[in-house]
Amino acid sequence: MLLRRSEVFREQSRASKARVAARVVARLGMLKEAAAPANTRYDIFLSHSYQDAGEIWQLKEFLVGLGFSTYVDWIEEDDLSRNRVTPATANRLRTRVVNSRCLLVYPTEIAQMSRWMPWELGLADGLGLPVGIIPVVADEVDTAEYSGSEYLGRYAYIDYHVCQHDDENYLWANRNPNVYVRFNEWLEGAPLKHHRD
């Protein structure tokens, strides 16, 4: 089952979205002193559009809550300027991708216009890192299988559901409902495995 909006994002009215944005800005101020060293290792590099910042903040909290360290550029690197991108910006992002165990793409309509996301994805893919798509869908959407747009369909999609063997929720990397592996194993390089119904 794909991640549902209600599992990851708290429902937000316009007023609460403004409060979330204010909290994000306040938290970023606190993070300035706690910026991670350049060689910090992350489980996940989360590739996204900054215009999805409110959702990204909550998605990062969800992933961290599951035990996965997650890099989000504007949270970890508050000195990166989106208005003045330089070769140093690209070098810093490259270092963060290299120091991550995988790259997850958060696909939204807004993200389709991103200049950086295709570059980050191509870099991670070229380095041989596991690359996945982490779609978050509306609660009423059928989540039996994710079919990504165009080239994104080549990558595993990540979902969250109960394991039949121990009744615990886990992240999974999938190709379809019968081809999957637990996310932790996928991070270690395990291939997606075919399972019978």
Protein backbone atom coordinates (compact mmCIF):
# COMPACT_ATOMS: atom_id res chain seq x y z
CA MET A 1 0.00 0.00 0.00
CA LEU A 2 1.38 3.40 -0.93
CA LEU A 3 1.87 5.99 1.76
CA ARG A 4 -1.42 7.73 2.32
CA ARG A 5 -1.62 11.45 3.00
CA SER A 6 -3.32 10.83 6.35
CA GLU A 7 -0.42 8.59 7.47
CA VAL A 8 2.25 11.17 6.71
CA PHE A 9 0.69 14.61 6.67
CA ARG A 10 -1.50 16.18 9.24
CA GLU A 11 -4.53 17.72 7.59
CA GLN A 12 -3.97 21.43 7.20
CA SER A 13 -6.30 24.34 6.68
CA ARG A 14 -4.88 27.53 5.16
CA ALA A 15 -4.38 28.96 8.64
CA SER A 16 -2.60 25.84 9.88
CA LYS A 17 -0.41 25.80 6.75
CA ALA A 18 0.75 29.29 7.71
CA ARG A 19 1.48 28.03 11.25
CA VAL A 20 3.43 25.05 9.84
CA ALA A 21 5.45 27.42 7.64
CA ALA A 22 6.19 29.62 10.67
CA ARG A 23 7.31 26.55 12.66
CA VAL A 24 9.54 25.45 9.76
CA VAL A 25 11.21 28.87 9.69
CA ALA A 26 11.63 28.83 13.49
CA ARG A 27 13.11 25.32 13.44
CA LEU A 28 15.47 26.30 10.65
CA GLY A 29 16.73 29.12 12.85
CA MET A 30 17.49 26.59 15.59
CA LEU A 31 19.26 24.31 13.11
CA LYS A 32 21.78 26.95 12.02
CA GLU A 33 24.06 26.10 14.91
CA ALA A 34 23.57 22.36 14.45
CA ALA A 35 24.45 22.01 10.74
CA ALA A 36 25.93 18.58 10.05
CA PRO A 37 29.54 18.25 8.88
CA ALA A 38 29.99 17.68 5.13
CA ASN A 39 31.00 14.04 5.65
CA THR A 40 27.84 13.14 7.60
CA ARG A 41 26.24 9.94 6.29
CA TYR A 42 22.49 9.79 5.68
CA ASP A 43 20.24 6.85 4.91
CA ILE A 44 18.08 8.94 2.56
CA PHE A 45 18.69 11.95 0.30
CA LEU A 46 15.16 13.29 -0.25
CA SER A 47 14.90 14.87 -3.71
CA HIS A 48 11.95 17.26 -3.92
CA SER A 49 10.69 20.68 -4.88
CA TYR A 50 11.15 23.40 -2.27
CA GLN A 51 7.61 24.53 -3.09
CA ASP A 52 6.45 21.34 -1.31
CA ALA A 53 8.32 22.41 1.86
CA GLY A 54 5.44 21.89 4.31
CA GLU A 55 4.88 18.33 3.13
CA ILE A 56 8.61 17.63 2.92
CA TRP A 57 9.15 18.69 6.52
CA GLN A 58 6.46 16.23 7.64
CA LEU A 59 7.73 13.46 5.33
CA LYS A 60 11.23 13.90 6.77
CA GLU A 61 9.80 13.65 10.31
CA PHE A 62 7.90 10.48 9.29
CA LEU A 63 11.06 8.85 7.86
CA VAL A 64 13.21 9.89 10.81
CA GLY A 65 10.51 8.50 13.12
CA LEU A 66 10.95 5.14 11.37
CA GLY A 67 14.69 5.31 12.13
CA PHE A 68 16.07 6.59 8.80
CA SER A 69 18.36 9.62 8.82
CA THR A 70 17.07 11.87 6.05
CA TYR A 71 18.84 14.72 4.24
CA VAL A 72 16.74 17.68 3.05
CA ASP A 73 18.93 20.44 1.62
CA TRP A 74 17.07 23.50 2.92
CA ILE A 75 16.81 22.00 6.40
CA GLU A 76 20.40 20.80 6.69
CA GLU A 77 22.05 23.54 4.60
CA ASP A 78 20.38 26.80 5.52
CA ASP A 79 23.16 28.78 3.82
CA LEU A 80 22.41 27.36 0.34
CA SER A 81 20.78 30.08 -1.73
CA ARG A 82 18.06 29.13 -4.18
CA ASN A 83 18.39 32.55 -5.81
CA ARG A 84 22.13 32.32 -6.41
CA VAL A 85 23.17 28.83 -7.41
CA THR A 86 26.89 28.37 -7.92
CA PRO A 87 29.23 25.47 -8.72
CA ALA A 88 29.86 25.30 -4.95
CA THR A 89 26.13 24.62 -4.47
CA ALA A 90 26.28 21.72 -6.93
CA ASN A 91 29.45 20.39 -5.28
CA ARG A 92 27.85 20.46 -1.84
CA LEU A 93 24.73 18.67 -3.06
CA ARG A 94 26.91 16.13 -4.88
CA THR A 95 28.79 15.44 -1.63
CA ARG A 96 25.47 14.91 0.18
CA VAL A 97 24.23 12.49 -2.51
CA VAL A 98 27.53 10.57 -2.40
CA ASN A 99 27.26 10.36 1.41
CA SER A 100 23.71 8.98 1.30
CA ARG A 101 22.71 5.32 1.12
CA CYS A 102 19.86 6.01 -1.33
CA LEU A 103 17.97 8.78 -3.07
CA LEU A 104 14.19 9.01 -2.83
CA VAL A 105 12.25 11.24 -5.21
CA TYR A 106 9.06 12.89 -3.93
CA PRO A 107 7.01 13.25 -7.14
CA THR A 108 4.42 16.03 -7.25
CA GLU A 109 3.07 18.20 -10.03
CA ILE A 110 5.23 21.04 -8.74
CA ALA A 111 8.29 18.78 -8.66
CA GLN A 112 7.98 18.15 -12.40
CA MET A 113 9.25 21.71 -12.94
CA SER A 114 12.32 21.31 -10.72
CA ARG A 115 15.73 21.88 -12.31
CA TRP A 116 17.58 20.09 -9.52
CA MET A 117 15.59 16.88 -9.15
CA PRO A 118 16.55 15.33 -12.52
CA TRP A 119 20.20 16.25 -11.82
CA GLU A 120 20.09 14.68 -8.35
CA LEU A 121 18.38 11.55 -9.70
CA GLY A 122 20.86 11.21 -12.56
CA LEU A 123 23.79 11.67 -10.21
CA ALA A 124 22.55 9.03 -7.75
CA ASP A 125 21.69 6.61 -10.56
CA GLY A 126 25.10 7.14 -12.18
CA LEU A 127 26.81 6.46 -8.83
CA GLY A 128 24.89 3.20 -8.53
CA LEU A 129 22.94 4.24 -5.45
CA PRO A 130 19.51 2.73 -4.92
CA VAL A 131 16.94 5.18 -6.28
CA GLY A 132 13.28 5.04 -5.35
CA ILE A 133 10.10 7.03 -5.73
CA ILE A 134 8.19 7.85 -2.54
CA PRO A 135 4.70 8.84 -3.69
CA VAL A 136 2.19 9.98 -1.11
CA VAL A 137 -1.34 9.60 -2.41
CA ALA A 138 -4.78 10.81 -1.36
CA ASP A 139 -6.53 8.41 0.99
CA GLU A 140 -9.17 7.44 -1.57
CA VAL A 141 -6.65 6.44 -4.30
CA ASP A 142 -6.29 2.71 -5.09
CA THR A 143 -2.81 1.87 -3.88
CA ALA A 144 -2.36 -1.64 -5.23
CA GLU A 145 0.38 -0.49 -7.60
CA TYR A 146 2.17 2.73 -8.41
CA SER A 147 2.83 3.59 -12.03
CA GLY A 148 5.19 6.51 -12.10
CA SER A 149 5.35 9.06 -14.85
CA GLU A 150 7.71 8.36 -17.71
CA TYR A 151 11.25 7.52 -16.61
CA LEU A 152 10.29 7.38 -12.91
CA GLY A 153 8.57 4.05 -13.63
CA ARG A 154 12.02 2.49 -13.98
CA TYR A 155 12.68 2.90 -10.26
CA ALA A 156 11.28 1.09 -7.24
CA TYR A 157 8.44 2.79 -5.43
CA ILE A 158 8.45 2.97 -1.67
CA ASP A 159 5.41 2.16 0.43
CA TYR A 160 4.50 1.46 4.04
CA HIS A 161 2.41 -1.42 5.30
CA VAL A 162 2.12 -4.33 7.71
CA CYS A 163 4.36 -7.37 7.32
CA GLN A 164 2.31 -10.58 7.26
CA HIS A 165 4.85 -12.39 9.46
CA ASP A 166 5.02 -10.11 12.50
CA ASP A 167 2.20 -7.54 12.21
CA GLU A 168 4.70 -4.64 12.24
CA ASN A 169 4.61 -1.74 9.77
CA TYR A 170 7.65 -1.36 7.52
CA LEU A 171 8.80 0.60 4.51
CA TRP A 172 9.07 -1.56 1.40
CA ALA A 173 10.73 -1.13 -2.00
CA ASN A 174 8.46 -2.46 -4.77
CA ARG A 175 8.20 -2.97 -8.50
CA ASN A 176 4.62 -4.23 -8.22
CA PRO A 177 2.51 -6.02 -5.57
CA ASN A 178 4.41 -9.30 -6.14
CA VAL A 179 7.96 -7.94 -6.50
CA TYR A 180 9.32 -6.27 -3.37
CA VAL A 181 11.81 -6.31 -0.50
CA ARG A 182 11.94 -4.59 2.88
CA PHE A 183 13.39 -1.09 2.62
CA ASN A 184 16.22 -1.86 5.08
CA GLU A 185 17.36 -4.76 2.88
CA TRP A 186 17.05 -2.64 -0.27
CA LEU A 187 19.34 -0.05 1.34
CA GLU A 188 21.91 -2.81 1.83
CA GLY A 189 21.76 -3.67 -1.88
CA ALA A 190 19.26 -6.55 -1.85
CA PRO A 191 17.39 -6.88 -5.15
CA LEU A 192 13.62 -6.79 -5.34
CA LYS A 193 12.31 -10.36 -5.00
CA HIS A 194 9.34 -12.02 -6.68
CA HIS A 195 6.79 -13.36 -4.16
CA ARG A 196 3.82 -15.54 -4.99
CA ASP A 197 0.33 -14.47 -3.98
